[in-house]
Amino acid sequence: ASQAWAPGDRIYWDNTARQTTKTLTANTLIGVATEAVAGGATDLIGRVRLNGAF
C-alpha cells in the first residue's frame, strides 16, 4: 500500500523502511510532492521535486 500525498506535501526519505514518506520523525527531507497520490494499493508512484526550492 502507499501513502496519500497532495501537491506541495513535504516528502522525506525513511532510511529504515527504504521508502519515501510524509512523516518527519527522524527522516530526511528530499523535496515536495508535485502531484496527488491517492494512497491505494495500486498507487505506487509519486512525483517529487528534488531541488532546494521547497
PDB file of N, CA and C in Angstrom:
ATOM      1  N   ALA A   1       0.844  -1.189   0.000  1.00  0.00           N
ATOM      2  CA  ALA A   1       0.000   0.000   0.000  1.00  0.00           C
ATOM      3  C   ALA A   1       0.879   1.237   0.000  1.00  0.00           C
ATOM      4  N   SER A   2       0.321   2.331  -0.436  1.00  0.00           N
ATOM      5  CA  SER A   2       1.076   3.579  -0.469  1.00  0.00           C
ATOM      6  C   SER A   2       0.443   4.593   0.472  1.00  0.00           C
ATOM      7  N   GLN A   3       1.001   5.770   0.494  1.00  0.00           N
ATOM      8  CA  GLN A   3       0.553   6.851   1.359  1.00  0.00           C
ATOM      9  C   GLN A   3      -0.013   7.961   0.481  1.00  0.00           C
ATOM     10  N   ALA A   4      -1.141   8.539   0.872  1.00  0.00           N
ATOM     11  CA  ALA A   4      -1.737   9.626   0.092  1.00  0.00           C
ATOM     12  C   ALA A   4      -0.895  10.890   0.208  1.00  0.00           C
ATOM     13  N   TRP A   5      -0.630  11.531  -0.932  1.00  0.00           N
ATOM     14  CA  TRP A   5       0.101  12.798  -0.992  1.00  0.00           C
ATOM     15  C   TRP A   5      -0.745  13.815  -1.731  1.00  0.00           C
ATOM     16  N   ALA A   6      -0.585  15.069  -1.355  1.00  0.00           N
ATOM     17  CA  ALA A   6      -1.183  16.191  -2.084  1.00  0.00           C
ATOM     18  C   ALA A   6      -0.048  17.043  -2.647  1.00  0.00           C
ATOM     19  N   PRO A   7      -0.279  17.745  -3.744  1.00  0.00           N
ATOM     20  CA  PRO A   7       0.771  18.625  -4.266  1.00  0.00           C
ATOM     21  C   PRO A   7       1.231  19.605  -3.176  1.00  0.00           C
ATOM     22  N   GLY A   8       2.537  19.730  -3.035  1.00  0.00           N
ATOM     23  CA  GLY A   8       3.102  20.618  -2.027  1.00  0.00           C
ATOM     24  C   GLY A   8       3.457  19.947  -0.716  1.00  0.00           C
ATOM     25  N   ASP A   9       3.001  18.705  -0.502  1.00  0.00           N
ATOM     26  CA  ASP A   9       3.382  17.982   0.722  1.00  0.00           C
ATOM     27  C   ASP A   9       4.888  17.796   0.769  1.00  0.00           C
ATOM     28  N   ARG A  10       5.482  17.985   1.930  1.00  0.00           N
ATOM     29  CA  ARG A  10       6.909  17.708   2.096  1.00  0.00           C
ATOM     30  C   ARG A  10       7.099  16.198   2.145  1.00  0.00           C
ATOM     31  N   ILE A  11       8.081  15.725   1.399  1.00  0.00           N
ATOM     32  CA  ILE A  11       8.336  14.290   1.299  1.00  0.00           C
ATOM     33  C   ILE A  11       9.722  13.997   1.871  1.00  0.00           C
ATOM     34  N   TYR A  12       9.789  12.956   2.666  1.00  0.00           N
ATOM     35  CA  TYR A  12      11.004  12.575   3.382  1.00  0.00           C
ATOM     36  C   TYR A  12      11.441  11.178   2.968  1.00  0.00           C
ATOM     37  N   TRP A  13      12.732  10.893   3.156  1.00  0.00           N
ATOM     38  CA  TRP A  13      13.263   9.553   2.928  1.00  0.00           C
ATOM     39  C   TRP A  13      13.342   8.846   4.268  1.00  0.00           C
ATOM     40  N   ASP A  14      12.686   7.683   4.374  1.00  0.00           N
ATOM     41  CA  ASP A  14      12.742   6.831   5.562  1.00  0.00           C
ATOM     42  C   ASP A  14      13.788   5.761   5.287  1.00  0.00           C
ATOM     43  N   ASN A  15      14.971   5.924   5.830  1.00  0.00           N
ATOM     44  CA  ASN A  15      16.072   5.008   5.544  1.00  0.00           C
ATOM     45  C   ASN A  15      15.861   3.634   6.168  1.00  0.00           C
ATOM     46  N   THR A  16      15.100   3.548   7.244  1.00  0.00           N
ATOM     47  CA  THR A  16      14.818   2.253   7.871  1.00  0.00           C
ATOM     48  C   THR A  16      13.903   1.415   6.986  1.00  0.00           C
ATOM     49  N   ALA A  17      12.819   2.023   6.498  1.00  0.00           N
ATOM     50  CA  ALA A  17      11.854   1.320   5.645  1.00  0.00           C
ATOM     51  C   ALA A  17      12.266   1.324   4.178  1.00  0.00           C
ATOM     52  N   ARG A  18      13.284   2.146   3.837  1.00  0.00           N
ATOM     53  CA  ARG A  18      13.762   2.265   2.454  1.00  0.00           C
ATOM     54  C   ARG A  18      12.654   2.706   1.505  1.00  0.00           C
ATOM     55  N   GLN A  19      11.923   3.768   1.920  1.00  0.00           N
ATOM     56  CA  GLN A  19      10.862   4.313   1.080  1.00  0.00           C
ATOM     57  C   GLN A  19      10.609   5.769   1.448  1.00  0.00           C
ATOM     58  N   THR A  20       9.872   6.452   0.595  1.00  0.00           N
ATOM     59  CA  THR A  20       9.515   7.836   0.876  1.00  0.00           C
ATOM     60  C   THR A  20       8.285   7.882   1.772  1.00  0.00           C
ATOM     61  N   THR A  21       8.124   9.021   2.469  1.00  0.00           N
ATOM     62  CA  THR A  21       7.024   9.177   3.408  1.00  0.00           C
ATOM     63  C   THR A  21       6.729  10.647   3.648  1.00  0.00           C
ATOM     64  N   LYS A  22       5.556  10.945   4.189  1.00  0.00           N
ATOM     65  CA  LYS A  22       5.236  12.302   4.632  1.00  0.00           C
ATOM     66  C   LYS A  22       5.619  12.501   6.096  1.00  0.00           C
ATOM     67  N   THR A  23       6.064  11.456   6.771  1.00  0.00           N
ATOM     68  CA  THR A  23       6.372  11.506   8.198  1.00  0.00           C
ATOM     69  C   THR A  23       7.742  12.113   8.446  1.00  0.00           C
ATOM     70  N   LEU A  24       7.790  13.180   9.228  1.00  0.00           N
ATOM     71  CA  LEU A  24       9.034  13.892   9.508  1.00  0.00           C
ATOM     72  C   LEU A  24       9.963  13.127  10.450  1.00  0.00           C
ATOM     73  N   THR A  25       9.446  12.494  11.472  1.00  0.00           N
ATOM     74  CA  THR A  25      10.230  11.904  12.550  1.00  0.00           C
ATOM     75  C   THR A  25      11.448  11.135  12.069  1.00  0.00           C
ATOM     76  N   ALA A  26      12.651  11.649  12.380  1.00  0.00           N
ATOM     77  CA  ALA A  26      13.941  11.003  12.095  1.00  0.00           C
ATOM     78  C   ALA A  26      14.166  10.698  10.614  1.00  0.00           C
ATOM     79  N   ASN A  27      13.440  11.368   9.735  1.00  0.00           N
ATOM     80  CA  ASN A  27      13.607  11.154   8.298  1.00  0.00           C
ATOM     81  C   ASN A  27      14.199  12.402   7.649  1.00  0.00           C
ATOM     82  N   THR A  28      14.761  12.242   6.459  1.00  0.00           N
ATOM     83  CA  THR A  28      15.445  13.322   5.758  1.00  0.00           C
ATOM     84  C   THR A  28      14.555  13.919   4.673  1.00  0.00           C
ATOM     85  N   LEU A  29      14.361  15.232   4.706  1.00  0.00           N
ATOM     86  CA  LEU A  29      13.569  15.917   3.683  1.00  0.00           C
ATOM     87  C   LEU A  29      14.260  15.786   2.333  1.00  0.00           C
ATOM     88  N   ILE A  30      13.515  15.309   1.319  1.00  0.00           N
ATOM     89  CA  ILE A  30      14.096  15.178  -0.021  1.00  0.00           C
ATOM     90  C   ILE A  30      13.446  16.107  -1.033  1.00  0.00           C
ATOM     91  N   GLY A  31      12.250  16.625  -0.741  1.00  0.00           N
ATOM     92  CA  GLY A  31      11.583  17.502  -1.685  1.00  0.00           C
ATOM     93  C   GLY A  31      10.111  17.657  -1.373  1.00  0.00           C
ATOM     94  N   VAL A  32       9.349  18.071  -2.399  1.00  0.00           N
ATOM     95  CA  VAL A  32       7.906  18.252  -2.254  1.00  0.00           C
ATOM     96  C   VAL A  32       7.175  17.483  -3.356  1.00  0.00           C
ATOM     97  N   ALA A  33       5.992  16.994  -3.016  1.00  0.00           N
ATOM     98  CA  ALA A  33       5.169  16.286  -3.996  1.00  0.00           C
ATOM     99  C   ALA A  33       4.704  17.262  -5.066  1.00  0.00           C
ATOM    100  N   THR A  34       4.750  16.841  -6.323  1.00  0.00           N
ATOM    101  CA  THR A  34       4.290  17.691  -7.420  1.00  0.00           C
ATOM    102  C   THR A  34       2.934  17.255  -7.960  1.00  0.00           C
ATOM    103  N   GLU A  35       2.475  16.074  -7.565  1.00  0.00           N
ATOM    104  CA  GLU A  35       1.180  15.545  -7.998  1.00  0.00           C
ATOM    105  C   GLU A  35       0.521  14.818  -6.837  1.00  0.00           C
ATOM    106  N   ALA A  36      -0.787  14.711  -6.902  1.00  0.00           N
ATOM    107  CA  ALA A  36      -1.518  13.953  -5.892  1.00  0.00           C
ATOM    108  C   ALA A  36      -1.299  12.458  -6.094  1.00  0.00           C
ATOM    109  N   VAL A  37      -1.259  11.734  -4.985  1.00  0.00           N
ATOM    110  CA  VAL A  37      -1.213  10.268  -4.986  1.00  0.00           C
ATOM    111  C   VAL A  37      -2.369   9.823  -4.101  1.00  0.00           C
ATOM    112  N   ALA A  38      -3.204   8.905  -4.595  1.00  0.00           N
ATOM    113  CA  ALA A  38      -4.403   8.507  -3.862  1.00  0.00           C
ATOM    114  C   ALA A  38      -4.102   7.692  -2.613  1.00  0.00           C
ATOM    115  N   GLY A  39      -3.041   6.913  -2.617  1.00  0.00           N
ATOM    116  CA  GLY A  39      -2.688   6.142  -1.432  1.00  0.00           C
ATOM    117  C   GLY A  39      -3.271   4.745  -1.391  1.00  0.00           C
ATOM    118  N   GLY A  40      -3.803   4.256  -2.496  1.00  0.00           N
ATOM    119  CA  GLY A  40      -4.346   2.906  -2.530  1.00  0.00           C
ATOM    120  C   GLY A  40      -3.282   1.866  -2.841  1.00  0.00           C
ATOM    121  N   ALA A  41      -3.678   0.630  -2.859  1.00  0.00           N
ATOM    122  CA  ALA A  41      -2.751  -0.482  -3.085  1.00  0.00           C
ATOM    123  C   ALA A  41      -2.087  -0.430  -4.455  1.00  0.00           C
ATOM    124  N   THR A  42      -2.738   0.184  -5.432  1.00  0.00           N
ATOM    125  CA  THR A  42      -2.158   0.244  -6.778  1.00  0.00           C
ATOM    126  C   THR A  42      -1.463   1.577  -7.068  1.00  0.00           C
ATOM    127  N   ASP A  43      -1.469   2.499  -6.117  1.00  0.00           N
ATOM    128  CA  ASP A  43      -0.821   3.809  -6.291  1.00  0.00           C
ATOM    129  C   ASP A  43       0.610   3.728  -5.778  1.00  0.00           C
ATOM    130  N   LEU A  44       1.521   3.317  -6.643  1.00  0.00           N
ATOM    131  CA  LEU A  44       2.889   3.032  -6.222  1.00  0.00           C
ATOM    132  C   LEU A  44       3.910   4.070  -6.658  1.00  0.00           C
ATOM    133  N   ILE A  45       3.510   5.031  -7.492  1.00  0.00           N
ATOM    134  CA  ILE A  45       4.454   6.023  -7.995  1.00  0.00           C
ATOM    135  C   ILE A  45       4.003   7.417  -7.582  1.00  0.00           C
ATOM    136  N   GLY A  46       4.931   8.159  -6.972  1.00  0.00           N
ATOM    137  CA  GLY A  46       4.687   9.549  -6.614  1.00  0.00           C
ATOM    138  C   GLY A  46       5.779  10.408  -7.221  1.00  0.00           C
ATOM    139  N   ARG A  47       5.446  11.612  -7.608  1.00  0.00           N
ATOM    140  CA  ARG A  47       6.436  12.516  -8.207  1.00  0.00           C
ATOM    141  C   ARG A  47       6.838  13.566  -7.179  1.00  0.00           C
ATOM    142  N   VAL A  48       8.180  13.748  -7.055  1.00  0.00           N
ATOM    143  CA  VAL A  48       8.735  14.651  -6.048  1.00  0.00           C
ATOM    144  C   VAL A  48       9.727  15.596  -6.703  1.00  0.00           C
ATOM    145  N   ARG A  49       9.614  16.877  -6.394  1.00  0.00           N
ATOM    146  CA  ARG A  49      10.608  17.859  -6.840  1.00  0.00           C
ATOM    147  C   ARG A  49      11.779  17.776  -5.865  1.00  0.00           C
ATOM    148  N   LEU A  50      12.969  17.475  -6.387  1.00  0.00           N
ATOM    149  CA  LEU A  50      14.113  17.159  -5.544  1.00  0.00           C
ATOM    150  C   LEU A  50      15.096  18.301  -5.326  1.00  0.00           C
ATOM    151  N   ASN A  51      14.791  19.503  -5.751  1.00  0.00           N
ATOM    152  CA  ASN A  51      15.767  20.571  -5.544  1.00  0.00           C
ATOM    153  C   ASN A  51      15.452  21.394  -4.303  1.00  0.00           C
ATOM    154  N   GLY A  52      16.263  22.388  -4.024  1.00  0.00           N
ATOM    155  CA  GLY A  52      16.130  23.173  -2.809  1.00  0.00           C
ATOM    156  C   GLY A  52      15.009  24.189  -2.798  1.00  0.00           C
ATOM    157  N   ALA A  53      14.229  24.300  -3.854  1.00  0.00           N
ATOM    158  CA  ALA A  53      13.140  25.279  -3.904  1.00  0.00           C
ATOM    159  C   ALA A  53      11.859  24.692  -3.330  1.00  0.00           C
ATOM    160  N   PHE A  54      11.867  24.421  -2.045  1.00  0.00           N
ATOM    161  CA  PHE A  54      10.691  23.836  -1.400  1.00  0.00           C
ATOM    162  C   PHE A  54       9.659  24.910  -1.170  1.00  0.00           C
TER     163      PHE A  54
END
